[in-house]
Amino acid sequence: MKLFFLSLLLASGASLAAAEIPLNERVMVVYNANSDESQRVAKYYMAKRDIPKTNLCKIDTIKDSIDDGSIFEPEIKKPLRSCLDKLGKQKILYIVFSFETPYVIRHQGHTVAVDQLVSDIWDEFTAPATVGREAGDQPYFGKAEAQGNVYESFVPFATYRDSPKAKTIYSVWRLDGPTAEIAKSLVDKALLAEKDGLKGKSYFDLTVPIHQNVVDSGYGAGNWSIYQASVFAKRAGFDVTLDEKETEFGTSPSQLRCENAALYAGWYSLAHYNDVFSWAPGAIGFHLDSASATNPRNMSNWAGGALQRGITVTSGSVTEPFLEGLVHPDRIFLYLFNGANVGDAVLRGTRWIKWMIINLGDPLYRPFPNRIGPYAGPHQEAWFGISPVNLVGEGTVTAQFALAEKRTSTTPVTFKSNYPALVNLPTNVTLPPEANGGKFEIAVKPPEEAVNVLITITAGNETLSNTLNVFPILTNLTLSQPSMQSNGLVTGTVSIAFPAKQLGFTIYLKSSSPAAIVPDEIKIPAGATTATFPITAKPVAAETTATITAKFDSAAKTAQLKITP
């Protein structure tokens, strides 16, 4: 993957089809025949955005939660596919669900968003039964390393979709909220902000202070994303308030109210709206919590509450998510500042589809059509990228950096890490005059366990950091049962992170007790990710516990086995 730092110019190489068809003609609007209000909101939106009347699609189903997943196929998927076939499934980019259309499906142990199932309605990205993270990153997702300030270049969704090998996925949105009037107001406020400009303040709410030693992994990744969003907003010219306390805005000791908010990103409150905001027309805000959109028409959760109080664009999860599957505010705001509409920016800032996220607002809303601040033209920023940023086992990664300031004399560069025994960093490096960056290789030893390796570069008065995530090849050791009687037999299974290479992997085994006998080693054959081995028990006079250990490289996994007389 080729990564570019923040010269994210909008791609000018759009195909002829993308250039010829106006985006408003590439929107399909969906309403529910069981709701008069649904049809009225749909037609209101189409009139305001001059969307062709032929782009209206009817479904006939329930209004909110689908508790029997079997009705999705006949009542939603089939009619939508029919509409897309008539309009040209390649022509449509955005699908907008109107008020009182269903937004969540609960079926066979899964809770997923209707919208995200529809985003891959042709099942081109992944099979129908595959849900979310199991399929990996959706193809339009913009990869980034927030801590290192490295972001993949923005590409308009039309450009991606009109490329020869693109998957036929859609940016799916909904005009929804506690009332039909609120749903319609999402269009009005977007149009007003496009006419007058999005004006107001920006607010960002972290859970810890951000500094170079905060790793970009786990909850740290959420904080880095929000922090970088605040940096981009400040560069774009917004008045920025950054709260680094664990508590939210408006709660002790963070008593501040967020008046005239145009931009917001923060966390964490579970399943409730933090009522400390007054929203400017066109306001865009994202709150990272585990139940942010369980019901966009209920004012108690984030999405419903924010819509009730006047936000124009937001997003949320319909059930308990993984953090990495929520929207990434840094990417979204950066793409918006570079001139994207929200339909493109949010989809490119969302890792998974066929998952749990719903987006609320008008996808055609483009708050900064001429770009804003330094993003209106070429500019230089410091960045530090690592490729690959996730490494399994030992290997070599490539690191590349650029400094913000041009050098006029030779500059020494120093490198340090929180795991110096694990990574081999360069020494005695200098930058020649006029150079403002460099490229180097980092050799990584196999880790005993998963670790976040923080690497810091210092050159002159500039310091850059990034996080390399290193994982052991050996991932698990399980037993077919936790106990057995004397002379019994149990099966152990070892697992590795990826299919074994051509010669296979040899896993070394050991038992802490002579009562449990294991082979000295087991081989995982080429192409496999698991292997099994027998554990036999000798007679024991009293209950005995044996620790079974599997080892590969520096990593070891253990399991306890109880042996009874």
Protein backbone atom coordinates (compact mmCIF):
# COMPACT_ATOMS: atom_id res chain seq x y z
CA MET A 1 0.00 0.00 0.00
CA LYS A 2 1.39 3.39 -0.93
CA LEU A 3 0.78 5.96 1.79
CA PHE A 4 0.88 9.68 1.32
CA PHE A 5 1.09 12.30 4.03
CA LEU A 6 -1.38 15.15 4.16
CA SER A 7 -1.23 16.45 0.62
CA LEU A 8 -4.63 14.84 0.15
CA LEU A 9 -5.67 16.45 -3.08
CA LEU A 10 -8.99 15.27 -4.44
CA ALA A 11 -8.39 12.92 -7.31
CA SER A 12 -8.77 14.58 -10.68
CA GLY A 13 -8.68 11.31 -12.61
CA ALA A 14 -12.37 10.48 -12.28
CA SER A 15 -13.74 8.43 -15.11
CA LEU A 16 -15.82 9.98 -17.86
CA ALA A 17 -18.96 8.43 -16.40
CA ALA A 18 -18.30 9.99 -12.99
CA ALA A 19 -17.68 13.37 -14.55
CA GLU A 20 -20.80 13.27 -16.72
CA ILE A 21 -23.42 12.12 -14.20
CA PRO A 22 -24.28 14.65 -11.46
CA LEU A 23 -24.20 13.12 -7.99
CA ASN A 24 -27.83 13.99 -7.29
CA GLU A 25 -28.76 11.61 -10.12
CA ARG A 26 -26.73 8.85 -8.44
CA VAL A 27 -28.91 8.77 -5.31
CA MET A 28 -31.67 6.22 -4.79
CA VAL A 29 -34.22 7.14 -2.09
CA VAL A 30 -36.09 4.38 -0.26
CA TYR A 31 -39.41 4.82 1.55
CA ASN A 32 -41.70 2.47 3.46
CA ALA A 33 -45.18 1.95 2.01
CA ASN A 34 -46.45 1.33 5.56
CA SER A 35 -45.78 4.95 6.51
CA ASP A 36 -47.22 8.06 4.89
CA GLU A 37 -44.56 10.13 6.67
CA SER A 38 -41.84 7.99 5.12
CA GLN A 39 -43.01 8.83 1.62
CA ARG A 40 -43.41 12.54 2.46
CA VAL A 41 -39.84 12.77 3.83
CA ALA A 42 -38.49 10.93 0.80
CA LYS A 43 -40.22 13.23 -1.68
CA TYR A 44 -39.18 16.30 0.33
CA TYR A 45 -35.54 15.28 0.08
CA MET A 46 -35.77 14.50 -3.61
CA ALA A 47 -37.33 17.89 -4.34
CA LYS A 48 -34.71 19.75 -2.30
CA ARG A 49 -31.81 17.95 -3.98
CA ASP A 50 -33.41 17.73 -7.43
CA ILE A 51 -33.15 13.94 -7.42
CA PRO A 52 -35.04 12.42 -10.38
CA LYS A 53 -38.49 11.06 -9.47
CA THR A 54 -37.57 7.75 -11.05
CA ASN A 55 -34.94 7.28 -8.29
CA LEU A 56 -37.64 6.64 -5.68
CA CYS A 57 -37.87 3.03 -4.46
CA LYS A 58 -40.68 1.53 -2.39
CA ILE A 59 -40.40 -1.21 0.21
CA ASP A 60 -43.34 -2.64 2.16
CA THR A 61 -42.18 -3.74 5.59
CA ILE A 62 -42.08 -2.90 9.31
CA LYS A 63 -40.84 0.47 10.55
CA ASP A 64 -37.94 -0.14 12.93
CA SER A 65 -36.50 -3.41 14.28
CA ILE A 66 -36.54 -6.66 12.30
CA ASP A 67 -36.51 -9.53 14.78
CA ASP A 68 -37.00 -12.21 12.13
CA GLY A 69 -34.08 -11.98 9.71
CA SER A 70 -35.88 -14.11 7.14
CA ILE A 71 -38.03 -11.14 6.10
CA PHE A 72 -34.97 -9.15 4.97
CA GLU A 73 -34.68 -11.02 1.69
CA PRO A 74 -38.29 -10.66 0.41
CA GLU A 75 -39.20 -7.30 1.97
CA ILE A 76 -35.96 -5.31 1.61
CA LYS A 77 -33.24 -6.98 -0.43
CA LYS A 78 -35.39 -8.16 -3.34
CA PRO A 79 -37.28 -4.88 -3.95
CA LEU A 80 -34.10 -2.81 -3.59
CA ARG A 81 -32.27 -5.00 -6.07
CA SER A 82 -35.19 -4.63 -8.47
CA CYS A 83 -35.05 -0.82 -8.18
CA LEU A 84 -31.28 -0.81 -8.66
CA ASP A 85 -31.58 -3.00 -11.74
CA LYS A 86 -34.04 -0.56 -13.29
CA LEU A 87 -31.89 2.48 -12.49
CA GLY A 88 -28.60 0.79 -13.27
CA LYS A 89 -26.84 -0.68 -10.27
CA GLN A 90 -23.52 0.82 -11.38
CA LYS A 91 -25.03 4.26 -11.73
CA ILE A 92 -26.28 4.53 -8.13
CA LEU A 93 -23.69 5.47 -5.49
CA TYR A 94 -25.82 6.53 -2.51
CA ILE A 95 -28.87 4.85 -1.04
CA VAL A 96 -30.90 6.99 1.37
CA PHE A 97 -33.51 5.38 3.63
CA SER A 98 -36.35 7.69 4.55
CA PHE A 99 -38.04 8.10 7.92
CA GLU A 100 -39.71 4.98 9.43
CA THR A 101 -37.80 2.39 7.47
CA PRO A 102 -36.22 -0.49 9.47
CA TYR A 103 -32.68 0.08 10.66
CA VAL A 104 -31.67 -3.06 12.63
CA ILE A 105 -31.92 -6.82 12.13
CA ARG A 106 -31.61 -9.40 14.90
CA HIS A 107 -31.27 -12.91 13.52
CA GLN A 108 -29.46 -16.14 14.44
CA GLY A 109 -27.35 -14.56 17.15
CA HIS A 110 -26.33 -11.52 15.09
CA THR A 111 -27.45 -7.92 15.41
CA VAL A 112 -26.58 -5.92 12.31
CA ALA A 113 -27.62 -2.68 10.66
CA VAL A 114 -30.03 -2.93 7.73
CA ASP A 115 -28.10 -0.10 6.10
CA GLN A 116 -24.80 -1.95 6.09
CA LEU A 117 -26.32 -5.13 4.69
CA VAL A 118 -27.66 -2.96 1.87
CA SER A 119 -24.24 -1.40 1.30
CA ASP A 120 -23.16 -4.78 -0.12
CA ILE A 121 -26.60 -5.78 -1.41
CA TRP A 122 -25.15 -7.66 -4.41
CA ASP A 123 -22.85 -9.66 -2.11
CA GLU A 124 -19.85 -8.76 -4.26
CA PHE A 125 -17.60 -7.84 -1.35
CA THR A 126 -18.48 -10.83 0.78
CA ALA A 127 -20.96 -13.71 1.00
CA PRO A 128 -24.45 -13.07 2.41
CA ALA A 129 -23.82 -14.97 5.65
CA THR A 130 -20.55 -13.16 6.42
CA VAL A 131 -20.94 -10.43 9.01
CA GLY A 132 -18.73 -7.38 9.39
CA ARG A 133 -15.23 -7.83 10.72
CA GLU A 134 -15.05 -11.43 9.50
CA ALA A 135 -14.76 -10.08 5.96
CA GLY A 136 -11.97 -7.60 6.72
CA ASP A 137 -11.66 -4.00 5.52
CA GLN A 138 -14.20 -2.89 2.94
CA PRO A 139 -12.51 -1.91 -0.34
CA TYR A 140 -13.14 1.86 -0.17
CA PHE A 141 -11.74 2.24 3.37
CA GLY A 142 -8.92 4.77 3.66
CA LYS A 143 -6.03 3.27 5.60
CA ALA A 144 -4.12 5.49 8.00
CA GLU A 145 -1.66 5.64 10.89
CA ALA A 146 -3.07 8.41 13.05
CA GLN A 147 -0.17 8.71 15.49
CA GLY A 148 2.29 8.90 12.62
CA ASN A 149 0.11 11.45 10.76
CA VAL A 150 0.05 9.21 7.67
CA TYR A 151 -3.16 9.01 5.62
CA GLU A 152 -4.00 7.28 2.37
CA SER A 153 -4.96 9.73 -0.34
CA PHE A 154 -8.63 10.60 -0.69
CA VAL A 155 -10.42 9.24 -3.76
CA PRO A 156 -14.02 10.28 -4.49
CA PHE A 157 -16.46 7.40 -4.19
CA ALA A 158 -17.59 7.97 -7.80
CA THR A 159 -14.00 7.53 -8.96
CA TYR A 160 -13.62 4.29 -7.03
CA ARG A 161 -16.96 2.85 -8.14
CA ASP A 162 -16.40 3.72 -11.79
CA SER A 163 -13.01 2.00 -11.83
CA PRO A 164 -12.88 -1.34 -13.68
CA LYS A 165 -12.34 -3.68 -10.71
CA ALA A 166 -14.48 -1.92 -8.11
CA LYS A 167 -16.93 -3.82 -5.94
CA THR A 168 -20.53 -2.66 -6.32
CA ILE A 169 -20.98 -1.31 -2.81
CA TYR A 170 -23.01 1.75 -1.79
CA SER A 171 -22.76 4.59 0.69
CA VAL A 172 -25.97 4.07 2.67
CA TRP A 173 -27.63 6.81 4.73
CA ARG A 174 -30.94 7.60 6.38
CA LEU A 175 -33.03 10.69 6.92
CA ASP A 176 -34.38 9.70 10.30
CA GLY A 177 -34.84 10.85 13.86
CA PRO A 178 -37.45 11.24 16.59
CA THR A 179 -39.92 12.90 14.18
CA ALA A 180 -40.49 13.31 10.46
CA GLU A 181 -39.85 17.05 10.80
CA ILE A 182 -36.43 16.38 12.28
CA ALA A 183 -35.68 14.00 9.42
CA LYS A 184 -36.58 16.69 6.87
CA SER A 185 -34.55 19.30 8.76
CA LEU A 186 -31.36 17.31 8.09
CA VAL A 187 -31.68 18.34 4.45
CA ASP A 188 -32.57 21.96 5.23
CA LYS A 189 -29.62 22.46 7.57
CA ALA A 190 -27.20 20.86 5.12
CA LEU A 191 -28.37 23.16 2.34
CA LEU A 192 -28.13 26.19 4.65
CA ALA A 193 -24.56 25.33 5.63
CA GLU A 194 -23.62 24.84 1.97
CA LYS A 195 -25.08 28.25 1.16
CA ASP A 196 -23.67 30.23 4.13
CA GLY A 197 -20.69 28.08 5.06
CA LEU A 198 -20.37 25.79 8.06
CA LYS A 199 -19.62 28.14 10.93
CA GLY A 200 -19.18 27.56 14.63
CA LYS A 201 -16.76 26.02 17.08
CA SER A 202 -15.29 22.54 17.30
CA TYR A 203 -15.12 20.33 20.38
CA PHE A 204 -13.10 17.17 20.96
CA ASP A 205 -13.32 14.95 24.03
CA LEU A 206 -10.53 12.50 24.89
CA THR A 207 -10.31 10.12 27.84
CA VAL A 208 -6.56 10.69 28.49
CA PRO A 209 -4.05 13.42 27.57
CA ILE A 210 -2.40 12.67 24.24
CA HIS A 211 1.39 12.65 24.11
CA GLN A 212 4.06 10.82 22.15
CA ASN A 213 4.09 7.85 24.57
CA VAL A 214 0.40 6.97 24.08
CA VAL A 215 0.36 3.93 21.79
CA ASP A 216 -1.90 3.94 18.75
CA SER A 217 -3.63 0.68 19.63
CA GLY A 218 -6.70 -0.40 21.61
CA TYR A 219 -8.33 2.54 23.35
CA GLY A 220 -5.26 4.57 22.46
CA ALA A 221 -6.31 4.30 18.80
CA GLY A 222 -9.64 5.97 19.62
CA ASN A 223 -7.88 8.81 21.42
CA TRP A 224 -5.38 9.31 18.61
CA SER A 225 -8.20 9.46 16.05
CA ILE A 226 -10.08 12.11 18.02
CA TYR A 227 -6.90 14.04 18.77
CA GLN A 228 -5.86 14.14 15.11
CA ALA A 229 -9.36 15.30 14.18
CA SER A 230 -8.85 18.25 16.55
CA VAL A 231 -5.48 19.03 14.93
CA PHE A 232 -7.03 19.03 11.46
CA ALA A 233 -9.90 21.26 12.61
CA LYS A 234 -7.49 23.76 14.10
CA ARG A 235 -5.45 23.85 10.88
CA ALA A 236 -8.69 24.37 8.97
CA GLY A 237 -9.29 27.54 10.99
CA PHE A 238 -11.84 26.38 13.57
CA ASP A 239 -11.85 27.50 17.17
CA VAL A 240 -10.94 24.22 18.90
CA THR A 241 -11.66 23.07 22.45
CA LEU A 242 -9.84 19.86 23.38
CA ASP A 243 -10.82 18.16 26.65
CA GLU A 244 -8.24 15.61 27.84
CA LYS A 245 -10.00 14.66 31.09
CA GLU A 246 -11.59 11.23 31.50
CA THR A 247 -15.01 12.74 32.15
CA GLU A 248 -17.19 14.16 29.39
CA PHE A 249 -17.98 17.76 28.61
CA GLY A 250 -20.44 19.18 31.12
CA THR A 251 -19.53 16.79 33.95
CA SER A 252 -17.13 17.44 36.80
CA PRO A 253 -14.36 18.45 36.40
CA SER A 254 -15.12 19.14 32.68
CA GLN A 255 -17.97 21.60 33.28
CA LEU A 256 -17.72 23.32 29.91
CA ARG A 257 -20.81 23.47 27.67
CA CYS A 258 -20.32 23.13 23.94
CA GLU A 259 -22.11 26.13 22.46
CA ASN A 260 -22.50 26.69 18.72
CA ALA A 261 -20.82 23.38 17.91
CA ALA A 262 -20.05 22.85 14.23
CA LEU A 263 -17.73 19.86 14.64
CA TYR A 264 -17.50 17.29 17.42
CA ALA A 265 -15.79 13.98 18.12
CA GLY A 266 -15.51 12.35 21.51
CA TRP A 267 -16.29 9.50 23.88
CA TYR A 268 -17.39 7.70 26.13
CA SER A 269 -20.94 7.50 27.51
CA LEU A 270 -22.93 4.32 27.22
CA ALA A 271 -26.37 4.59 25.61
CA HIS A 272 -27.23 8.17 26.52
CA TYR A 273 -27.02 11.63 24.98
CA ASN A 274 -24.79 14.09 26.82
CA ASP A 275 -26.98 17.22 26.65
CA VAL A 276 -24.32 19.95 26.75
CA PHE A 277 -24.35 20.92 23.06
CA SER A 278 -26.03 23.61 21.04
CA TRP A 279 -25.57 22.71 17.39
CA ALA A 280 -24.83 25.12 14.54
CA PRO A 281 -26.71 24.59 11.27
CA GLY A 282 -24.82 21.90 9.35
CA ALA A 283 -23.10 20.52 12.48
CA ILE A 284 -21.27 17.19 12.12
CA GLY A 285 -20.50 15.11 15.19
CA PHE A 286 -19.50 11.58 16.16
CA HIS A 287 -19.65 10.01 19.60
CA LEU A 288 -17.79 6.72 20.07
CA ASP A 289 -19.83 4.57 22.41
CA SER A 290 -21.20 1.05 22.46
CA ALA A 291 -24.85 1.94 21.95
CA SER A 292 -24.75 5.25 20.13
CA ALA A 293 -27.55 4.41 17.65
CA THR A 294 -29.54 1.56 19.17
CA ASN A 295 -32.61 3.61 18.26
CA PRO A 296 -32.19 6.83 16.22
CA ARG A 297 -35.80 7.76 17.04
CA ASN A 298 -35.30 7.52 20.80
CA MET A 299 -33.85 10.68 22.35
CA SER A 300 -32.04 8.90 25.19
CA ASN A 301 -29.21 7.45 23.09
CA TRP A 302 -26.59 9.56 21.33
CA ALA A 303 -28.01 9.53 17.79
CA GLY A 304 -31.62 10.25 18.69
CA GLY A 305 -30.66 12.87 21.27
CA ALA A 306 -28.26 14.68 18.95
CA LEU A 307 -30.82 14.71 16.13
CA GLN A 308 -33.49 16.03 18.49
CA ARG A 309 -31.18 18.87 19.60
CA GLY A 310 -30.19 19.90 16.08
CA ILE A 311 -27.15 18.02 14.75
CA THR A 312 -27.10 17.63 10.95
CA VAL A 313 -24.83 14.60 10.44
CA THR A 314 -23.95 11.82 12.85
CA SER A 315 -23.38 8.08 12.99
CA GLY A 316 -23.58 5.26 15.50
CA SER A 317 -23.76 1.58 16.28
CA VAL A 318 -27.01 -0.37 16.65
CA THR A 319 -25.42 -2.71 19.23
CA GLU A 320 -22.17 -3.45 21.09
CA PRO A 321 -19.32 -2.80 18.63
CA PHE A 322 -15.58 -3.20 18.40
CA LEU A 323 -13.85 0.18 18.55
CA GLU A 324 -12.07 -0.29 15.22
CA GLY A 325 -15.42 -0.79 13.48
CA LEU A 326 -16.79 2.60 14.54
CA VAL A 327 -16.24 5.60 12.29
CA HIS A 328 -12.81 7.25 12.36
CA PRO A 329 -13.30 10.99 12.99
CA ASP A 330 -9.79 11.98 11.94
CA ARG A 331 -10.21 10.59 8.43
CA ILE A 332 -13.73 11.90 8.05
CA PHE A 333 -12.89 15.49 8.99
CA LEU A 334 -9.69 15.43 6.95
CA TYR A 335 -11.56 14.29 3.84
CA LEU A 336 -14.29 16.88 4.44
CA PHE A 337 -11.70 19.67 4.72
CA ASN A 338 -10.33 18.44 1.39
CA GLY A 339 -13.71 19.00 -0.27
CA ALA A 340 -15.47 15.64 0.09
CA ASN A 341 -19.19 15.22 0.68
CA VAL A 342 -20.21 13.38 3.84
CA GLY A 343 -21.35 10.30 1.88
CA ASP A 344 -17.81 9.78 0.62
CA ALA A 345 -15.94 10.92 3.73
CA VAL A 346 -17.85 8.73 6.17
CA LEU A 347 -17.74 5.58 4.04
CA ARG A 348 -14.00 6.04 3.46
CA GLY A 349 -13.62 6.52 7.21
CA THR A 350 -15.51 3.31 8.11
CA ARG A 351 -13.59 0.02 8.25
CA TRP A 352 -16.35 -2.60 7.94
CA ILE A 353 -19.65 -3.01 6.15
CA LYS A 354 -22.33 -5.70 6.72
CA TRP A 355 -21.91 -4.76 10.35
CA MET A 356 -23.49 -2.45 12.94
CA ILE A 357 -23.18 1.19 11.80
CA ILE A 358 -25.91 3.53 10.58
CA ASN A 359 -25.24 6.99 9.16
CA LEU A 360 -27.75 9.80 9.63
CA GLY A 361 -27.91 12.82 7.35
CA ASP A 362 -27.70 13.81 3.69
CA PRO A 363 -24.80 12.09 1.88
CA LEU A 364 -24.67 14.88 -0.71
CA TYR A 365 -23.92 17.48 1.99
CA ARG A 366 -20.56 19.03 1.11
CA PRO A 367 -19.61 21.59 3.78
CA PHE A 368 -16.29 22.69 2.25
CA PRO A 369 -16.63 22.44 -1.54
CA ASN A 370 -13.58 24.64 -2.14
CA ARG A 371 -11.52 22.94 0.58
CA ILE A 372 -10.49 24.95 3.62
CA GLY A 373 -7.39 26.27 5.35
CA PRO A 374 -4.08 24.70 4.29
CA TYR A 375 -5.99 21.92 2.52
CA ALA A 376 -6.91 24.40 -0.21
CA GLY A 377 -3.39 24.04 -1.61
CA PRO A 378 -0.05 22.25 -1.21
CA HIS A 379 1.40 22.24 2.30
CA GLN A 380 4.03 20.35 4.26
CA GLU A 381 3.59 18.50 7.52
CA ALA A 382 5.71 16.12 9.58
CA TRP A 383 4.82 12.43 9.35
CA PHE A 384 6.23 9.03 10.27
CA GLY A 385 4.94 5.85 8.63
CA ILE A 386 5.64 2.16 9.26
CA SER A 387 4.89 -0.59 6.72
CA PRO A 388 3.56 -3.02 7.68
CA VAL A 389 2.30 -1.45 10.87
CA ASN A 390 1.11 -4.90 12.08
CA LEU A 391 3.69 -7.70 12.02
CA VAL A 392 3.23 -11.37 12.95
CA GLY A 393 6.42 -13.07 14.12
CA GLU A 394 9.88 -11.89 13.23
CA GLY A 395 10.59 -9.85 10.14
CA THR A 396 11.57 -6.48 8.77
CA VAL A 397 9.44 -3.37 8.47
CA THR A 398 10.12 -0.22 6.50
CA ALA A 399 9.88 3.12 8.25
CA GLN A 400 9.81 6.46 6.47
CA PHE A 401 9.54 9.98 7.88
CA ALA A 402 9.45 13.61 6.83
CA LEU A 403 10.00 16.69 8.95
CA ALA A 404 7.98 19.87 8.78
CA GLU A 405 11.00 22.14 8.65
CA LYS A 406 13.62 22.31 5.90
CA ARG A 407 17.20 21.83 7.12
CA THR A 408 20.12 24.03 6.15
CA SER A 409 22.79 22.05 7.99
CA THR A 410 23.55 18.45 8.89
CA THR A 411 21.08 17.17 11.49
CA PRO A 412 21.64 14.13 13.75
CA VAL A 413 18.66 11.78 14.05
CA THR A 414 18.10 9.58 17.09
CA PHE A 415 15.76 6.61 17.46
CA LYS A 416 14.39 4.96 20.59
CA SER A 417 11.82 2.32 21.50
CA ASN A 418 10.01 1.00 24.55
CA TYR A 419 11.13 -2.52 23.50
CA PRO A 420 14.81 -2.07 22.59
CA ALA A 421 15.50 -5.83 22.82
CA LEU A 422 12.78 -6.55 20.26
CA VAL A 423 13.60 -4.06 17.49
CA ASN A 424 16.92 -3.19 15.92
CA LEU A 425 16.82 0.58 15.34
CA PRO A 426 19.35 2.58 13.27
CA THR A 427 22.25 4.35 14.98
CA ASN A 428 24.51 7.23 13.96
CA VAL A 429 22.04 8.60 11.40
CA THR A 430 22.35 12.16 10.09
CA LEU A 431 20.31 14.14 7.60
CA PRO A 432 22.38 16.08 5.06
CA PRO A 433 21.63 19.77 4.46
CA GLU A 434 18.34 20.43 2.63
CA ALA A 435 17.03 16.93 3.41
CA ASN A 436 13.87 16.79 5.49
CA GLY A 437 13.29 13.06 5.83
CA GLY A 438 14.52 9.55 5.32
CA LYS A 439 13.77 5.86 5.00
CA PHE A 440 15.15 2.95 7.02
CA GLU A 441 14.58 -0.72 7.81
CA ILE A 442 13.76 -2.11 11.26
CA ALA A 443 14.54 -5.75 12.06
CA VAL A 444 12.03 -7.23 14.52
CA LYS A 445 12.61 -10.30 16.69
CA PRO A 446 9.78 -12.74 17.42
CA PRO A 447 7.81 -11.59 20.49
CA GLU A 448 6.76 -13.71 23.46
CA GLU A 449 3.31 -12.09 23.38
CA ALA A 450 1.49 -9.35 21.47
CA VAL A 451 3.18 -6.00 22.13
CA ASN A 452 2.76 -2.38 21.01
CA VAL A 453 6.24 -1.15 20.10
CA LEU A 454 6.46 2.62 20.40
CA ILE A 455 9.16 4.04 18.11
CA THR A 456 10.26 7.66 18.45
CA ILE A 457 12.39 9.73 16.07
CA THR A 458 14.04 12.98 17.17
CA ALA A 459 15.70 15.34 14.69
CA GLY A 460 16.60 18.84 15.86
CA ASN A 461 13.57 20.21 17.70
CA GLU A 462 11.09 17.84 16.03
CA THR A 463 9.96 14.55 17.57
CA LEU A 464 7.78 12.00 15.76
CA SER A 465 6.35 8.74 17.04
CA ASN A 466 4.37 5.79 15.77
CA THR A 467 3.28 2.37 17.02
CA LEU A 468 4.35 -0.95 15.51
CA ASN A 469 2.06 -3.79 16.62
CA VAL A 470 3.90 -7.13 16.83
CA PHE A 471 2.16 -10.46 17.35
CA PRO A 472 3.52 -13.96 17.99
CA ILE A 473 2.92 -16.65 15.38
CA LEU A 474 1.69 -19.09 18.03
CA THR A 475 -1.76 -17.88 19.07
CA ASN A 476 -3.48 -20.59 21.10
CA LEU A 477 -3.36 -23.95 22.84
CA THR A 478 -6.64 -25.70 23.68
CA LEU A 479 -7.60 -29.08 25.13
CA SER A 480 -10.57 -31.18 24.07
CA GLN A 481 -11.55 -31.42 27.76
CA PRO A 482 -10.14 -29.86 30.97
CA SER A 483 -9.83 -33.13 32.91
CA MET A 484 -9.49 -36.88 32.48
CA GLN A 485 -9.07 -40.06 34.49
CA SER A 486 -5.93 -42.18 34.71
CA ASN A 487 -5.14 -44.02 31.46
CA GLY A 488 -7.40 -41.59 29.61
CA LEU A 489 -6.73 -39.67 26.41
CA VAL A 490 -7.19 -35.96 25.67
CA THR A 491 -6.50 -34.11 22.42
CA GLY A 492 -4.55 -30.85 22.38
CA THR A 493 -4.77 -28.33 19.54
CA VAL A 494 -2.21 -25.64 18.72
CA SER A 495 -3.08 -22.69 16.48
CA ILE A 496 -0.97 -20.17 14.58
CA ALA A 497 -1.77 -16.75 13.17
CA PHE A 498 -1.49 -17.58 9.46
CA PRO A 499 -1.08 -20.69 7.26
CA ALA A 500 2.27 -22.39 7.75
CA LYS A 501 4.95 -21.83 5.14
CA GLN A 502 6.18 -24.43 2.68
CA LEU A 503 8.20 -26.47 5.20
CA GLY A 504 5.61 -26.17 7.96
CA PHE A 505 6.15 -25.08 11.56
CA THR A 506 7.44 -27.27 14.39
CA ILE A 507 5.80 -26.58 17.75
CA TYR A 508 7.63 -27.89 20.82
CA LEU A 509 5.54 -29.43 23.60
CA LYS A 510 6.14 -30.04 27.30
CA SER A 511 4.20 -31.31 30.31
CA SER A 512 4.92 -30.19 33.85
CA SER A 513 3.91 -33.57 35.26
CA PRO A 514 5.00 -37.11 34.37
CA ALA A 515 1.35 -38.08 34.80
CA ALA A 516 0.48 -36.33 31.50
CA ILE A 517 2.49 -37.56 28.54
CA VAL A 518 2.83 -35.41 25.40
CA PRO A 519 5.01 -35.77 22.30
CA ASP A 520 8.15 -33.66 22.24
CA GLU A 521 6.94 -31.78 19.18
CA ILE A 522 4.13 -31.48 16.68
CA LYS A 523 4.34 -30.17 13.14
CA ILE A 524 1.79 -27.83 11.58
CA PRO A 525 1.95 -28.75 7.86
CA ALA A 526 2.29 -26.23 5.06
CA GLY A 527 -0.93 -24.33 4.44
CA ALA A 528 -2.51 -25.30 7.77
CA THR A 529 -3.17 -23.11 10.82
CA THR A 530 -3.74 -25.86 13.41
CA ALA A 531 -2.42 -29.26 14.44
CA THR A 532 -3.54 -31.75 17.09
CA PHE A 533 -1.59 -34.01 19.43
CA PRO A 534 -2.51 -36.72 21.99
CA ILE A 535 -2.14 -36.37 25.74
CA THR A 536 -2.20 -39.65 27.68
CA ALA A 537 -2.45 -40.02 31.42
CA LYS A 538 -0.56 -42.41 33.69
CA PRO A 539 -2.27 -43.75 36.80
CA VAL A 540 -2.25 -41.31 39.73
CA ALA A 541 -2.99 -41.89 43.41
CA ALA A 542 -4.42 -38.38 43.92
CA GLU A 543 -5.78 -35.61 41.77
CA THR A 544 -2.94 -34.05 39.78
CA THR A 545 -2.81 -30.91 37.67
CA ALA A 546 -0.42 -30.78 34.72
CA THR A 547 0.53 -27.65 32.80
CA ILE A 548 0.83 -28.37 29.09
CA THR A 549 3.09 -25.91 27.24
CA ALA A 550 3.41 -25.30 23.51
CA LYS A 551 6.33 -23.16 22.33
CA PHE A 552 7.35 -21.58 19.02
CA ASP A 553 10.09 -18.97 18.70
CA SER A 554 9.86 -16.85 21.86
CA ALA A 555 6.13 -17.40 22.33
CA ALA A 556 4.58 -19.97 24.64
CA LYS A 557 0.96 -20.94 25.33
CA THR A 558 -0.21 -23.06 28.24
CA ALA A 559 -3.27 -25.05 29.28
CA GLN A 560 -4.14 -26.79 32.53
CA LEU A 561 -5.15 -30.46 32.59
CA LYS A 562 -6.59 -32.15 35.70
CA ILE A 563 -5.97 -35.90 36.10
CA THR A 564 -8.03 -37.91 38.56
CA PRO A 565 -7.53 -41.46 39.88
